[in-house]
Amino acid sequence: MKYLEFEHDKKTIRGFLHGENAEDVVLLMHGFMGNKVDHHFMMKTFAQDIAQEGFMSYRFDFLGCGDSDGEFFEEESIASQIEQARSIVRQFKEKGFRVHLFAFSMGGVVASHTAKTEDIASLFLLSPAGNFDEILPAMIAMGKECEDGAEFNGFHISGKFMKEAHDFPYFEGIENYKNAVKIVQGSRDQYVSEESLKHYQSCFDNCETVIVENADHCYSTVLTTESVRKEIKKFYGKIKNLGV
């Protein structure tokens, strides 16, 4: 594991690189209020699993999250995270890498829109939050509104981000991505709707979907996490063998 940082908009994005590969790297994108380690350290575990399949993997914090520069209240933005992802993709491409994306929850929104404009070899979406315009208001209803936004679980959420989440075109243009896509979803996901999953499935021609029984949004049991790990190894093992 090696520390690696990137510059974007005069700010530093920080993360860790796993594995060694001269050709392929998988970028791991966390979700809303997440970070490069995430719930029960799953992003670190998944990055290690991907590396064991013969890829390099890079898990990082978006600006305003984890160890990267900026404050959450000021930096949190779907559009900005897409630009950050594009910047990292392009810097890896300049070094000669094929780039793959692995993304969780709202990170799945970011990844699917990054793949619209960048040359992405494969896409793994874990519980992609295509109904985030419904998820965020439900979270805020459990927190409290304040003059310049809202508070939830210790996070200060800006009114600007709340408006962006409401207005963002979650599925617009993502159907143009034609390479391999895998979607993994929990059968008891308390945030992502069945309609969102079906919408993602309808957008991608080359898509495999796996439903993990009894799994919540964060795969909060050992058994459901192991099921996700198995699907990760199957997908990247197949991609590696095909030389995509």
Protein backbone atom coordinates (compact mmCIF):
# COMPACT_ATOMS: atom_id res chain seq x y z
CA MET A 1 0.00 0.00 0.00
CA LYS A 2 1.39 3.38 -1.06
CA TYR A 3 0.22 6.90 -0.32
CA LEU A 4 -0.65 8.86 -3.47
CA GLU A 5 -2.03 12.35 -3.95
CA PHE A 6 -3.39 14.35 -6.87
CA GLU A 7 -3.87 18.05 -7.36
CA HIS A 8 -7.23 19.39 -8.49
CA ASP A 9 -8.24 23.04 -8.59
CA LYS A 10 -5.17 23.93 -6.47
CA LYS A 11 -6.28 21.49 -3.75
CA THR A 12 -4.95 18.07 -2.79
CA ILE A 13 -6.85 14.81 -3.12
CA ARG A 14 -5.31 12.11 -0.93
CA GLY A 15 -5.54 8.34 -1.12
CA PHE A 16 -3.82 4.97 -1.12
CA LEU A 17 -2.69 2.73 -3.97
CA HIS A 18 -2.86 -1.06 -3.62
CA GLY A 19 -1.20 -3.70 -5.78
CA GLU A 20 1.13 -3.47 -8.75
CA ASN A 21 0.12 -3.42 -12.39
CA ALA A 22 1.69 -1.58 -15.30
CA GLU A 23 -1.55 -1.41 -17.31
CA ASP A 24 -4.78 -1.35 -15.25
CA VAL A 25 -5.94 0.71 -12.28
CA VAL A 26 -9.34 0.67 -10.56
CA LEU A 27 -10.45 3.92 -8.91
CA LEU A 28 -12.66 3.41 -5.85
CA MET A 29 -15.21 6.17 -5.18
CA HIS A 30 -16.92 6.48 -1.81
CA GLY A 31 -20.44 7.70 -1.19
CA PHE A 32 -22.13 10.65 0.51
CA MET A 33 -20.60 11.40 3.93
CA GLY A 34 -18.11 8.59 3.24
CA ASN A 35 -14.37 8.33 2.80
CA LYS A 36 -11.65 6.07 1.41
CA VAL A 37 -12.09 3.61 4.32
CA ASP A 38 -15.85 3.86 4.77
CA HIS A 39 -18.39 1.76 6.65
CA HIS A 40 -16.72 -1.20 8.47
CA PHE A 41 -13.55 -0.46 6.46
CA MET A 42 -15.17 -1.92 3.35
CA MET A 43 -13.45 0.34 0.80
CA LYS A 44 -10.05 -0.74 2.07
CA THR A 45 -11.13 -4.39 1.97
CA PHE A 46 -12.54 -4.07 -1.55
CA ALA A 47 -9.41 -2.27 -2.78
CA GLN A 48 -7.30 -5.14 -1.45
CA ASP A 49 -9.59 -7.71 -3.11
CA ILE A 50 -9.30 -5.93 -6.46
CA ALA A 51 -5.51 -5.81 -6.13
CA GLN A 52 -5.45 -9.55 -5.47
CA GLU A 53 -7.10 -10.05 -8.87
CA GLY A 54 -4.07 -8.47 -10.54
CA PHE A 55 -5.11 -4.81 -10.76
CA MET A 56 -3.82 -1.71 -9.08
CA SER A 57 -6.54 -0.05 -7.03
CA TYR A 58 -6.69 3.53 -5.80
CA ARG A 59 -9.08 4.54 -3.02
CA PHE A 60 -9.23 8.24 -2.30
CA ASP A 61 -11.18 10.93 -0.51
CA PHE A 62 -13.11 13.47 -2.52
CA LEU A 63 -12.38 17.08 -1.58
CA GLY A 64 -14.02 18.00 1.72
CA CYS A 65 -13.96 14.37 2.86
CA GLY A 66 -11.51 12.29 4.89
CA ASP A 67 -7.90 13.43 4.49
CA SER A 68 -8.34 15.50 1.32
CA ASP A 69 -8.30 19.29 1.34
CA GLY A 70 -11.38 21.41 1.95
CA GLU A 71 -14.41 21.44 4.23
CA PHE A 72 -17.41 19.19 3.61
CA PHE A 73 -19.92 22.07 3.78
CA GLU A 74 -18.04 24.00 1.09
CA GLU A 75 -16.83 21.19 -1.16
CA GLU A 76 -19.65 18.62 -1.28
CA SER A 77 -21.01 18.64 -4.84
CA ILE A 78 -21.92 15.94 -7.33
CA ALA A 79 -20.69 18.01 -10.26
CA SER A 80 -17.42 18.82 -8.50
CA GLN A 81 -16.81 15.17 -7.66
CA ILE A 82 -17.34 14.26 -11.31
CA GLU A 83 -14.69 16.82 -12.25
CA GLN A 84 -12.34 15.47 -9.57
CA ALA A 85 -12.84 11.93 -10.88
CA ARG A 86 -12.22 13.05 -14.45
CA SER A 87 -9.02 14.77 -13.37
CA ILE A 88 -7.70 11.63 -11.67
CA VAL A 89 -8.72 9.44 -14.62
CA ARG A 90 -6.89 11.69 -17.05
CA GLN A 91 -3.74 11.78 -14.94
CA PHE A 92 -3.66 7.98 -14.79
CA LYS A 93 -4.35 7.82 -18.55
CA GLU A 94 -1.41 10.13 -19.18
CA LYS A 95 0.77 7.55 -17.43
CA GLY A 96 -0.47 4.85 -19.81
CA PHE A 97 -3.03 3.08 -17.60
CA ARG A 98 -6.37 1.60 -18.56
CA VAL A 99 -8.80 2.95 -15.98
CA HIS A 100 -11.72 1.09 -14.37
CA LEU A 101 -14.21 2.54 -11.89
CA PHE A 102 -15.63 0.98 -8.72
CA ALA A 103 -18.15 3.14 -6.89
CA PHE A 104 -20.46 2.97 -3.89
CA SER A 105 -23.81 4.75 -3.42
CA MET A 106 -23.59 8.42 -4.50
CA GLY A 107 -20.16 7.53 -5.83
CA GLY A 108 -22.07 5.42 -8.36
CA VAL A 109 -23.73 8.57 -9.66
CA VAL A 110 -20.32 10.19 -9.98
CA ALA A 111 -18.80 7.15 -11.71
CA SER A 112 -21.62 6.70 -14.23
CA HIS A 113 -21.34 10.35 -15.28
CA THR A 114 -17.55 10.21 -15.38
CA ALA A 115 -17.84 7.26 -17.75
CA LYS A 116 -19.91 9.40 -20.15
CA THR A 117 -16.90 11.47 -21.19
CA GLU A 118 -13.83 9.46 -20.21
CA ASP A 119 -12.38 6.24 -21.66
CA ILE A 120 -13.36 3.84 -18.86
CA ALA A 121 -12.63 0.12 -19.31
CA SER A 122 -15.26 -1.21 -16.87
CA LEU A 123 -17.76 -0.03 -14.30
CA PHE A 124 -18.72 -1.68 -10.99
CA LEU A 125 -21.62 0.07 -9.23
CA LEU A 126 -22.31 -0.96 -5.63
CA SER A 127 -25.75 0.26 -4.48
CA PRO A 128 -25.71 3.22 -6.92
CA ALA A 129 -27.93 5.99 -5.56
CA GLY A 130 -29.84 7.13 -8.62
CA ASN A 131 -32.66 8.34 -6.38
CA PHE A 132 -30.41 10.55 -4.26
CA ASP A 133 -32.91 13.37 -4.86
CA GLU A 134 -35.24 11.32 -2.60
CA ILE A 135 -32.57 10.01 -0.23
CA LEU A 136 -31.18 13.38 0.87
CA PRO A 137 -34.54 14.95 1.90
CA ALA A 138 -35.31 11.80 3.91
CA MET A 139 -31.97 12.14 5.71
CA ILE A 140 -32.56 15.82 6.41
CA ALA A 141 -36.01 15.01 7.80
CA MET A 142 -34.23 12.87 10.41
CA GLY A 143 -31.79 15.70 11.17
CA LYS A 144 -32.64 19.37 11.34
CA GLU A 145 -32.73 22.28 8.96
CA CYS A 146 -30.72 25.40 9.72
CA GLU A 147 -30.44 28.84 8.15
CA ASP A 148 -27.76 27.94 5.60
CA GLY A 149 -28.68 24.28 5.02
CA ALA A 150 -29.16 21.32 7.33
CA GLU A 151 -27.44 19.08 9.85
CA PHE A 152 -27.43 15.27 9.73
CA ASN A 153 -25.26 12.80 11.66
CA GLY A 154 -22.78 15.53 12.52
CA PHE A 155 -22.46 16.76 8.93
CA HIS A 156 -23.28 20.33 7.92
CA ILE A 157 -24.99 20.15 4.52
CA SER A 158 -25.23 23.30 2.44
CA GLY A 159 -28.43 24.58 0.89
CA LYS A 160 -26.56 24.78 -2.40
CA PHE A 161 -25.84 21.04 -2.31
CA MET A 162 -29.45 20.29 -1.35
CA LYS A 163 -30.61 22.15 -4.46
CA GLU A 164 -28.02 20.40 -6.65
CA ALA A 165 -29.12 16.99 -5.36
CA HIS A 166 -32.74 17.86 -6.16
CA ASP A 167 -32.02 19.12 -9.68
CA PHE A 168 -29.21 16.79 -10.83
CA PRO A 169 -29.98 14.72 -14.00
CA TYR A 170 -29.03 11.35 -12.51
CA PHE A 171 -29.52 9.18 -15.60
CA GLU A 172 -29.03 11.66 -18.42
CA GLY A 173 -26.61 10.36 -21.04
CA ILE A 174 -25.22 7.44 -19.04
CA GLU A 175 -26.70 5.00 -21.56
CA ASN A 176 -23.86 5.94 -23.92
CA TYR A 177 -21.47 3.80 -21.87
CA LYS A 178 -21.12 0.45 -23.68
CA ASN A 179 -18.40 -1.46 -21.81
CA ALA A 180 -18.94 -4.04 -19.05
CA VAL A 181 -21.07 -2.92 -16.10
CA LYS A 182 -21.81 -4.82 -12.91
CA ILE A 183 -24.41 -3.65 -10.41
CA VAL A 184 -24.61 -5.15 -6.92
CA GLN A 185 -27.57 -4.22 -4.74
CA GLY A 186 -28.87 -5.31 -1.34
CA SER A 187 -32.37 -6.77 -1.15
CA ARG A 188 -33.02 -4.70 2.00
CA ASP A 189 -31.38 -1.46 0.91
CA GLN A 190 -33.08 1.21 3.01
CA TYR A 191 -32.06 4.06 0.73
CA VAL A 192 -31.84 3.02 -2.93
CA SER A 193 -35.22 2.31 -4.48
CA GLU A 194 -36.16 -0.57 -6.77
CA GLU A 195 -37.09 2.01 -9.39
CA SER A 196 -33.56 3.43 -9.30
CA LEU A 197 -32.06 -0.03 -9.79
CA LYS A 198 -34.36 -0.76 -12.73
CA HIS A 199 -33.48 2.59 -14.29
CA TYR A 200 -29.76 1.78 -14.12
CA GLN A 201 -30.39 -1.66 -15.61
CA SER A 202 -32.30 -0.13 -18.52
CA CYS A 203 -29.47 2.33 -19.25
CA PHE A 204 -26.68 -0.20 -19.81
CA ASP A 205 -26.61 -2.76 -22.64
CA ASN A 206 -23.72 -4.79 -21.23
CA CYS A 207 -24.87 -5.09 -17.62
CA GLU A 208 -24.95 -7.86 -15.02
CA THR A 209 -26.96 -7.36 -11.83
CA VAL A 210 -26.58 -9.29 -8.58
CA ILE A 211 -28.97 -8.93 -5.64
CA VAL A 212 -27.43 -9.74 -2.26
CA GLU A 213 -30.15 -11.23 -0.09
CA ASN A 214 -30.81 -9.60 3.30
CA ALA A 215 -28.21 -6.90 2.65
CA ASP A 216 -28.80 -3.31 3.73
CA HIS A 217 -27.28 -0.31 1.96
CA CYS A 218 -23.88 -0.68 3.64
CA TYR A 219 -23.74 -4.50 3.72
CA SER A 220 -23.56 -4.32 7.48
CA THR A 221 -23.09 -8.02 8.23
CA VAL A 222 -20.08 -10.23 7.66
CA LEU A 223 -22.13 -12.55 5.45
CA THR A 224 -23.40 -9.81 3.10
CA THR A 225 -19.96 -8.18 2.90
CA GLU A 226 -18.47 -11.55 1.95
CA SER A 227 -21.09 -11.84 -0.79
CA VAL A 228 -19.99 -8.49 -2.23
CA ARG A 229 -16.34 -9.55 -2.04
CA LYS A 230 -17.16 -12.71 -3.98
CA GLU A 231 -18.84 -10.66 -6.73
CA ILE A 232 -15.86 -8.27 -6.87
CA LYS A 233 -13.45 -11.15 -7.35
CA LYS A 234 -15.65 -12.75 -10.02
CA PHE A 235 -16.02 -9.52 -11.98
CA TYR A 236 -12.39 -8.42 -11.93
CA GLY A 237 -11.16 -11.97 -12.47
CA LYS A 238 -13.30 -12.11 -15.61
CA ILE A 239 -12.16 -8.67 -16.77
CA LYS A 240 -8.53 -9.68 -16.23
CA ASN A 241 -8.92 -12.90 -18.21
CA LEU A 242 -10.60 -11.07 -21.08
CA GLY A 243 -7.84 -8.47 -21.14
CA VAL A 244 -10.37 -5.63 -21.26
